[in-house]
Amino acid sequence: TARPLWARVVAGWVTLLPLLTTTAAFPLFNGVLAANLVHALPPKLATPTVAAALCALPPLLLTGAVTDTTFLFQLCGLSGFAIVFFVPAALQHASLRASVARWGEAGRDTPHSTCFSGARPVLAVVALGGAAFAQNAWTLLLRPLLASLVGAAPGL
């Protein structure tokens, strides 16, 4: 039997939910991404409009094709590991190296230094972030992929 019109409208709305939630966040960061990307583009394409379109269109188009919002949010969460763990650790490490290069060993101890300012805490943050990322990547991507491969294998 044919689905009623209201059911098709609700199904379409739910399918577009990832697209709508993604577009709600884009004004917050698309301009910043485009401003950084414009300098990496070839001279003919290095305009703010082109850079903004290159930042906005692929995620919007791909998000419109995804119907499982849970998977989409989990996939976005994986990228959050880079923002929460890896980028700050890399910045701290680079800052420490630049400080030591500029001021010698005295650069290791600044007015803002704490027990978390050294190389060991940076390594610990990277290790913790790496373990959490690996576990979530396993749960979200690798385990389902492996299960589909093993389930598709004849005789298993």
N, C-alpha and C. Protein backbone atom coordinates (compact mmCIF):
# COMPACT_ATOMS: atom_id res chain seq x y z
N THR A 1 0.84 -1.19 0.00
CA THR A 1 0.00 0.00 0.00
C THR A 1 0.88 1.25 0.00
N ALA A 2 0.32 2.32 -0.53
CA ALA A 2 1.05 3.57 -0.60
C ALA A 2 1.05 4.25 0.77
N ARG A 3 2.16 4.85 1.10
CA ARG A 3 2.23 5.57 2.37
C ARG A 3 1.40 6.85 2.27
N PRO A 4 0.76 7.24 3.38
CA PRO A 4 0.00 8.49 3.34
C PRO A 4 0.93 9.69 3.15
N LEU A 5 0.36 10.78 2.69
CA LEU A 5 1.14 11.98 2.42
C LEU A 5 1.86 12.48 3.67
N TRP A 6 1.19 12.46 4.82
CA TRP A 6 1.81 12.96 6.04
C TRP A 6 3.05 12.12 6.40
N ALA A 7 3.02 10.80 6.14
CA ALA A 7 4.16 9.94 6.43
C ALA A 7 5.33 10.27 5.51
N ARG A 8 5.05 10.55 4.24
CA ARG A 8 6.12 10.93 3.31
C ARG A 8 6.73 12.27 3.68
N VAL A 9 5.89 13.22 4.14
CA VAL A 9 6.40 14.53 4.55
C VAL A 9 7.29 14.39 5.79
N VAL A 10 6.85 13.61 6.77
CA VAL A 10 7.65 13.41 7.98
C VAL A 10 8.96 12.69 7.64
N ALA A 11 8.89 11.68 6.78
CA ALA A 11 10.11 10.96 6.38
C ALA A 11 11.08 11.89 5.66
N GLY A 12 10.58 12.75 4.80
CA GLY A 12 11.44 13.71 4.11
C GLY A 12 12.06 14.70 5.08
N TRP A 13 11.28 15.14 6.06
CA TRP A 13 11.79 16.08 7.06
C TRP A 13 12.91 15.45 7.88
N VAL A 14 12.69 14.21 8.30
CA VAL A 14 13.70 13.52 9.09
C VAL A 14 14.96 13.29 8.26
N THR A 15 14.80 13.01 6.97
CA THR A 15 15.95 12.82 6.09
C THR A 15 16.75 14.12 5.95
N LEU A 16 16.07 15.26 5.95
CA LEU A 16 16.76 16.54 5.80
C LEU A 16 17.32 17.09 7.11
N LEU A 17 17.01 16.45 8.24
CA LEU A 17 17.48 16.95 9.53
C LEU A 17 18.99 17.14 9.59
N PRO A 18 19.81 16.19 9.13
CA PRO A 18 21.27 16.43 9.18
C PRO A 18 21.67 17.66 8.37
N LEU A 19 21.03 17.87 7.23
CA LEU A 19 21.34 19.04 6.41
C LEU A 19 21.00 20.32 7.16
N LEU A 20 19.85 20.34 7.83
CA LEU A 20 19.44 21.53 8.55
C LEU A 20 20.32 21.82 9.75
N THR A 21 20.70 20.78 10.49
CA THR A 21 21.56 21.00 11.65
C THR A 21 22.96 21.45 11.24
N THR A 22 23.42 20.94 10.11
CA THR A 22 24.73 21.35 9.62
C THR A 22 24.71 22.80 9.16
N THR A 23 23.66 23.18 8.45
CA THR A 23 23.60 24.57 7.97
C THR A 23 23.44 25.55 9.12
N ALA A 24 22.87 25.12 10.24
CA ALA A 24 22.72 26.02 11.38
C ALA A 24 24.08 26.41 11.96
N ALA A 25 25.05 25.52 11.88
CA ALA A 25 26.37 25.80 12.45
C ALA A 25 27.30 26.49 11.46
N PHE A 26 27.02 26.41 10.18
CA PHE A 26 27.94 26.94 9.18
C PHE A 26 28.25 28.42 9.31
N PRO A 27 27.29 29.27 9.59
CA PRO A 27 27.66 30.69 9.69
C PRO A 27 28.70 30.96 10.77
N LEU A 28 28.79 30.07 11.75
CA LEU A 28 29.74 30.28 12.83
C LEU A 28 31.18 30.06 12.40
N PHE A 29 31.41 29.11 11.49
CA PHE A 29 32.80 28.80 11.17
C PHE A 29 33.14 28.80 9.69
N ASN A 30 32.18 28.93 8.81
CA ASN A 30 32.50 28.89 7.38
C ASN A 30 33.36 30.08 6.95
N GLY A 31 33.10 31.26 7.51
CA GLY A 31 33.91 32.43 7.16
C GLY A 31 35.36 32.26 7.57
N VAL A 32 35.59 31.68 8.74
CA VAL A 32 36.96 31.46 9.22
C VAL A 32 37.66 30.43 8.35
N LEU A 33 36.96 29.33 8.03
CA LEU A 33 37.56 28.32 7.17
C LEU A 33 37.91 28.90 5.80
N ALA A 34 36.98 29.68 5.24
CA ALA A 34 37.20 30.27 3.92
C ALA A 34 38.37 31.26 3.94
N ALA A 35 38.47 32.05 5.01
CA ALA A 35 39.56 33.02 5.10
C ALA A 35 40.92 32.33 5.14
N ASN A 36 40.98 31.15 5.75
CA ASN A 36 42.23 30.40 5.77
C ASN A 36 42.49 29.68 4.45
N LEU A 37 41.43 29.19 3.83
CA LEU A 37 41.58 28.44 2.58
C LEU A 37 41.94 29.33 1.40
N VAL A 38 41.46 30.56 1.40
CA VAL A 38 41.66 31.43 0.24
C VAL A 38 43.15 31.60 -0.09
N HIS A 39 44.02 31.55 0.90
CA HIS A 39 45.45 31.72 0.66
C HIS A 39 46.09 30.46 0.08
N ALA A 40 45.43 29.33 0.18
CA ALA A 40 45.97 28.07 -0.34
C ALA A 40 45.48 27.77 -1.75
N LEU A 41 44.54 28.56 -2.25
CA LEU A 41 43.97 28.32 -3.58
C LEU A 41 44.86 28.89 -4.67
N PRO A 42 44.75 28.33 -5.88
CA PRO A 42 45.46 28.92 -7.02
C PRO A 42 44.98 30.36 -7.24
N PRO A 43 45.83 31.22 -7.78
CA PRO A 43 45.48 32.64 -7.91
C PRO A 43 44.14 32.90 -8.62
N LYS A 44 43.81 32.11 -9.63
CA LYS A 44 42.55 32.32 -10.35
C LYS A 44 41.33 32.06 -9.47
N LEU A 45 41.46 31.18 -8.51
CA LEU A 45 40.34 30.81 -7.65
C LEU A 45 40.39 31.46 -6.28
N ALA A 46 41.42 32.24 -6.01
CA ALA A 46 41.63 32.79 -4.67
C ALA A 46 40.74 34.00 -4.41
N THR A 47 39.44 33.75 -4.33
CA THR A 47 38.48 34.79 -3.95
C THR A 47 37.71 34.30 -2.73
N PRO A 48 37.24 35.22 -1.90
CA PRO A 48 36.47 34.80 -0.72
C PRO A 48 35.21 34.00 -1.09
N THR A 49 34.58 34.33 -2.19
CA THR A 49 33.35 33.63 -2.59
C THR A 49 33.65 32.18 -2.96
N VAL A 50 34.71 31.96 -3.73
CA VAL A 50 35.09 30.60 -4.13
C VAL A 50 35.50 29.80 -2.89
N ALA A 51 36.28 30.41 -2.03
CA ALA A 51 36.72 29.72 -0.82
C ALA A 51 35.53 29.35 0.06
N ALA A 52 34.58 30.26 0.21
CA ALA A 52 33.40 29.97 1.03
C ALA A 52 32.58 28.84 0.41
N ALA A 53 32.45 28.84 -0.92
CA ALA A 53 31.71 27.77 -1.57
C ALA A 53 32.43 26.43 -1.42
N LEU A 54 33.75 26.43 -1.53
CA LEU A 54 34.50 25.19 -1.37
C LEU A 54 34.40 24.64 0.05
N CYS A 55 34.27 25.53 1.02
CA CYS A 55 34.11 25.08 2.41
C CYS A 55 32.69 24.61 2.69
N ALA A 56 31.72 25.25 2.09
CA ALA A 56 30.33 24.98 2.44
C ALA A 56 29.69 23.86 1.62
N LEU A 57 29.94 23.81 0.34
CA LEU A 57 29.18 22.90 -0.51
C LEU A 57 29.44 21.41 -0.26
N PRO A 58 30.68 20.94 -0.17
CA PRO A 58 30.84 19.48 0.03
C PRO A 58 30.17 18.95 1.29
N PRO A 59 30.34 19.58 2.45
CA PRO A 59 29.64 19.05 3.62
C PRO A 59 28.13 19.12 3.50
N LEU A 60 27.62 20.19 2.91
CA LEU A 60 26.17 20.31 2.77
C LEU A 60 25.61 19.25 1.83
N LEU A 61 26.28 19.04 0.71
CA LEU A 61 25.80 18.04 -0.24
C LEU A 61 25.89 16.64 0.33
N LEU A 62 26.99 16.33 0.99
CA LEU A 62 27.14 15.00 1.57
C LEU A 62 26.17 14.79 2.74
N THR A 63 25.94 15.83 3.52
CA THR A 63 25.02 15.71 4.64
C THR A 63 23.60 15.48 4.13
N GLY A 64 23.25 16.08 3.01
CA GLY A 64 21.93 15.86 2.43
C GLY A 64 21.72 14.43 1.97
N ALA A 65 22.81 13.71 1.71
CA ALA A 65 22.71 12.33 1.26
C ALA A 65 22.67 11.33 2.42
N VAL A 66 23.00 11.77 3.62
CA VAL A 66 23.03 10.87 4.78
C VAL A 66 21.66 10.85 5.43
N THR A 67 21.15 9.65 5.67
CA THR A 67 19.84 9.53 6.31
C THR A 67 19.94 9.11 7.77
N ASP A 68 21.07 8.65 8.21
CA ASP A 68 21.26 8.21 9.58
C ASP A 68 21.95 9.31 10.37
N THR A 69 21.16 10.11 11.10
CA THR A 69 21.75 11.24 11.81
C THR A 69 22.67 10.78 12.94
N THR A 70 22.40 9.63 13.53
CA THR A 70 23.25 9.13 14.60
C THR A 70 24.67 8.91 14.07
N PHE A 71 24.77 8.27 12.91
CA PHE A 71 26.08 8.03 12.31
C PHE A 71 26.76 9.36 11.98
N LEU A 72 26.02 10.31 11.46
CA LEU A 72 26.58 11.60 11.10
C LEU A 72 27.17 12.31 12.32
N PHE A 73 26.42 12.35 13.41
CA PHE A 73 26.91 13.02 14.61
C PHE A 73 28.09 12.28 15.22
N GLN A 74 28.10 10.96 15.15
CA GLN A 74 29.24 10.21 15.66
C GLN A 74 30.47 10.46 14.80
N LEU A 75 30.29 10.55 13.50
CA LEU A 75 31.41 10.84 12.60
C LEU A 75 31.96 12.24 12.88
N CYS A 76 31.09 13.20 13.11
CA CYS A 76 31.55 14.54 13.47
C CYS A 76 32.27 14.51 14.82
N GLY A 77 31.81 13.66 15.72
CA GLY A 77 32.46 13.53 17.01
C GLY A 77 33.88 13.03 16.90
N LEU A 78 34.14 12.16 15.90
CA LEU A 78 35.51 11.70 15.70
C LEU A 78 36.44 12.86 15.38
N SER A 79 35.96 13.80 14.57
CA SER A 79 36.81 14.95 14.25
C SER A 79 37.00 15.83 15.47
N GLY A 80 36.09 15.76 16.43
CA GLY A 80 36.24 16.52 17.66
C GLY A 80 37.45 16.11 18.46
N PHE A 81 37.90 14.86 18.30
CA PHE A 81 39.11 14.43 19.01
C PHE A 81 40.31 15.26 18.59
N ALA A 82 40.38 15.62 17.32
CA ALA A 82 41.49 16.45 16.86
C ALA A 82 41.43 17.81 17.52
N ILE A 83 40.23 18.36 17.63
CA ILE A 83 40.08 19.69 18.19
C ILE A 83 40.33 19.68 19.69
N VAL A 84 39.87 18.66 20.37
CA VAL A 84 39.95 18.62 21.83
C VAL A 84 41.31 18.13 22.33
N PHE A 85 41.89 17.14 21.67
CA PHE A 85 43.12 16.54 22.18
C PHE A 85 44.36 16.90 21.36
N PHE A 86 44.32 16.62 20.06
CA PHE A 86 45.53 16.68 19.26
C PHE A 86 45.99 18.11 18.95
N VAL A 87 45.08 18.99 18.58
CA VAL A 87 45.48 20.36 18.23
C VAL A 87 46.05 21.10 19.45
N PRO A 88 45.37 21.08 20.61
CA PRO A 88 45.99 21.77 21.76
C PRO A 88 47.35 21.17 22.16
N ALA A 89 47.47 19.86 22.09
CA ALA A 89 48.76 19.23 22.42
C ALA A 89 49.84 19.66 21.43
N ALA A 90 49.49 19.70 20.15
CA ALA A 90 50.46 20.13 19.14
C ALA A 90 50.84 21.60 19.33
N LEU A 91 49.87 22.43 19.66
CA LEU A 91 50.16 23.84 19.90
C LEU A 91 51.04 24.03 21.14
N GLN A 92 50.77 23.27 22.19
CA GLN A 92 51.59 23.36 23.39
C GLN A 92 53.02 22.92 23.09
N HIS A 93 53.16 21.83 22.35
CA HIS A 93 54.49 21.34 21.99
C HIS A 93 55.24 22.38 21.13
N ALA A 94 54.55 22.93 20.14
CA ALA A 94 55.18 23.94 19.28
C ALA A 94 55.54 25.19 20.07
N SER A 95 54.67 25.58 20.99
CA SER A 95 54.93 26.75 21.82
C SER A 95 56.15 26.54 22.71
N LEU A 96 56.24 25.36 23.29
CA LEU A 96 57.39 25.05 24.15
C LEU A 96 58.69 25.06 23.34
N ARG A 97 58.65 24.46 22.15
CA ARG A 97 59.86 24.45 21.31
C ARG A 97 60.27 25.85 20.89
N ALA A 98 59.28 26.68 20.52
CA ALA A 98 59.59 28.06 20.10
C ALA A 98 60.13 28.87 21.27
N SER A 99 59.56 28.66 22.45
CA SER A 99 60.02 29.38 23.64
C SER A 99 61.46 29.00 23.98
N VAL A 100 61.77 27.72 23.92
CA VAL A 100 63.14 27.27 24.21
C VAL A 100 64.10 27.74 23.12
N ALA A 101 63.66 27.73 21.87
CA ALA A 101 64.52 28.20 20.79
C ALA A 101 64.83 29.69 20.93
N ARG A 102 63.87 30.43 21.42
CA ARG A 102 64.07 31.88 21.54
C ARG A 102 64.85 32.27 22.79
N TRP A 103 64.53 31.66 23.94
CA TRP A 103 65.13 32.08 25.20
C TRP A 103 66.01 31.01 25.85
N GLY A 104 66.29 29.94 25.15
CA GLY A 104 67.11 28.87 25.72
C GLY A 104 66.33 28.11 26.78
N GLU A 105 67.03 27.48 27.68
CA GLU A 105 66.38 26.68 28.72
C GLU A 105 65.47 27.52 29.61
N ALA A 106 65.72 28.82 29.70
CA ALA A 106 64.85 29.69 30.49
C ALA A 106 63.45 29.75 29.90
N GLY A 107 63.31 29.42 28.62
CA GLY A 107 62.01 29.43 27.95
C GLY A 107 61.09 28.31 28.39
N ARG A 108 61.61 27.34 29.13
CA ARG A 108 60.75 26.25 29.64
C ARG A 108 59.86 26.71 30.79
N ASP A 109 60.29 27.75 31.48
CA ASP A 109 59.54 28.22 32.65
C ASP A 109 59.09 29.66 32.40
N THR A 110 57.81 29.82 32.12
CA THR A 110 57.24 31.15 31.89
C THR A 110 56.30 31.49 33.04
N PRO A 111 55.84 32.72 33.11
CA PRO A 111 54.87 33.06 34.18
C PRO A 111 53.59 32.24 34.11
N HIS A 112 53.29 31.68 32.95
CA HIS A 112 52.05 30.91 32.78
C HIS A 112 52.30 29.40 32.84
N SER A 113 53.51 28.97 33.12
CA SER A 113 53.82 27.55 33.18
C SER A 113 53.17 26.89 34.39
N THR A 114 52.70 25.67 34.17
CA THR A 114 52.15 24.86 35.25
C THR A 114 52.77 23.48 35.16
N CYS A 115 52.31 22.58 36.01
CA CYS A 115 52.82 21.21 35.94
C CYS A 115 52.37 20.51 34.65
N PHE A 116 51.43 21.11 33.93
CA PHE A 116 50.95 20.53 32.67
C PHE A 116 51.62 21.14 31.45
N SER A 117 52.64 21.94 31.63
CA SER A 117 53.27 22.67 30.52
C SER A 117 54.41 21.93 29.85
N GLY A 118 54.85 20.83 30.40
CA GLY A 118 56.01 20.13 29.85
C GLY A 118 55.67 19.16 28.74
N ALA A 119 56.69 18.46 28.29
CA ALA A 119 56.53 17.50 27.20
C ALA A 119 55.77 16.25 27.64
N ARG A 120 55.94 15.81 28.87
CA ARG A 120 55.25 14.60 29.34
C ARG A 120 53.73 14.76 29.37
N PRO A 121 53.21 15.86 29.92
CA PRO A 121 51.75 16.03 29.87
C PRO A 121 51.22 16.11 28.43
N VAL A 122 51.98 16.74 27.54
CA VAL A 122 51.56 16.79 26.13
C VAL A 122 51.48 15.38 25.56
N LEU A 123 52.49 14.56 25.85
CA LEU A 123 52.48 13.17 25.39
C LEU A 123 51.31 12.40 26.00
N ALA A 124 51.02 12.66 27.27
CA ALA A 124 49.89 11.98 27.92
C ALA A 124 48.57 12.37 27.28
N VAL A 125 48.39 13.64 26.94
CA VAL A 125 47.16 14.09 26.28
C VAL A 125 47.03 13.44 24.90
N VAL A 126 48.13 13.38 24.16
CA VAL A 126 48.10 12.74 22.85
C VAL A 126 47.79 11.25 22.98
N ALA A 127 48.38 10.59 23.98
CA ALA A 127 48.12 9.16 24.18
C ALA A 127 46.67 8.92 24.58
N LEU A 128 46.15 9.72 25.50
CA LEU A 128 44.76 9.59 25.91
C LEU A 128 43.82 9.87 24.74
N GLY A 129 44.08 10.93 24.01
CA GLY A 129 43.26 11.25 22.83
C GLY A 129 43.36 10.18 21.77
N GLY A 130 44.55 9.64 21.56
CA GLY A 130 44.73 8.58 20.58
C GLY A 130 43.97 7.31 20.96
N ALA A 131 44.02 6.96 22.25
CA ALA A 131 43.28 5.78 22.71
C ALA A 131 41.78 5.98 22.57
N ALA A 132 41.28 7.16 22.95
CA ALA A 132 39.85 7.44 22.82
C ALA A 132 39.43 7.47 21.35
N PHE A 133 40.26 8.08 20.50
CA PHE A 133 39.96 8.12 19.07
C PHE A 133 39.93 6.70 18.50
N ALA A 134 40.93 5.90 18.85
CA ALA A 134 40.99 4.53 18.32
C ALA A 134 39.76 3.72 18.75
N GLN A 135 39.37 3.87 20.00
CA GLN A 135 38.19 3.13 20.48
C GLN A 135 36.93 3.57 19.75
N ASN A 136 36.76 4.86 19.57
CA ASN A 136 35.58 5.34 18.87
C ASN A 136 35.62 5.04 17.38
N ALA A 137 36.79 5.10 16.78
CA ALA A 137 36.90 4.72 15.36
C ALA A 137 36.59 3.24 15.19
N TRP A 138 37.04 2.42 16.13
CA TRP A 138 36.72 0.99 16.09
C TRP A 138 35.21 0.78 16.18
N THR A 139 34.58 1.43 17.14
CA THR A 139 33.16 1.25 17.36
C THR A 139 32.33 1.77 16.20
N LEU A 140 32.70 2.92 15.68
CA LEU A 140 31.90 3.57 14.65
C LEU A 140 32.17 3.04 13.24
N LEU A 141 33.44 2.80 12.92
CA LEU A 141 33.79 2.49 11.54
C LEU A 141 34.30 1.06 11.33
N LEU A 142 35.31 0.68 12.10
CA LEU A 142 36.02 -0.56 11.81
C LEU A 142 35.22 -1.81 12.18
N ARG A 143 34.60 -1.84 13.34
CA ARG A 143 33.84 -3.02 13.75
C ARG A 143 32.67 -3.28 12.81
N PRO A 144 31.86 -2.25 12.44
CA PRO A 144 30.78 -2.52 11.46
C PRO A 144 31.32 -2.96 10.10
N LEU A 145 32.45 -2.39 9.67
CA LEU A 145 33.03 -2.78 8.40
C LEU A 145 33.49 -4.23 8.45
N LEU A 146 34.19 -4.60 9.52
CA LEU A 146 34.66 -5.96 9.67
C LEU A 146 33.48 -6.94 9.77
N ALA A 147 32.45 -6.55 10.50
CA ALA A 147 31.26 -7.41 10.62
C ALA A 147 30.59 -7.61 9.27
N SER A 148 30.54 -6.57 8.45
CA SER A 148 29.91 -6.73 7.14
C SER A 148 30.76 -7.59 6.22
N LEU A 149 32.10 -7.50 6.34
CA LEU A 149 32.97 -8.34 5.53
C LEU A 149 32.90 -9.79 5.95
N VAL A 150 32.90 -10.03 7.26
CA VAL A 150 32.84 -11.40 7.75
C VAL A 150 31.46 -11.99 7.48
N GLY A 151 30.42 -11.17 7.63
CA GLY A 151 29.05 -11.65 7.35
C GLY A 151 28.84 -11.92 5.88
N ALA A 152 29.57 -11.22 5.01
CA ALA A 152 29.42 -11.41 3.58
C ALA A 152 30.25 -12.58 3.06
N ALA A 153 31.20 -13.04 3.86
CA ALA A 153 32.06 -14.15 3.42
C ALA A 153 31.27 -15.45 3.42
N PRO A 154 31.36 -16.25 2.34
CA PRO A 154 30.62 -17.50 2.28
C PRO A 154 31.16 -18.50 3.31
N GLY A 155 30.28 -19.19 3.95
CA GLY A 155 30.66 -20.24 4.89
C GLY A 155 31.03 -19.76 6.26
N LEU A 156 30.92 -18.45 6.55
CA LEU A 156 31.27 -17.95 7.88
C LEU A 156 30.03 -17.53 8.61
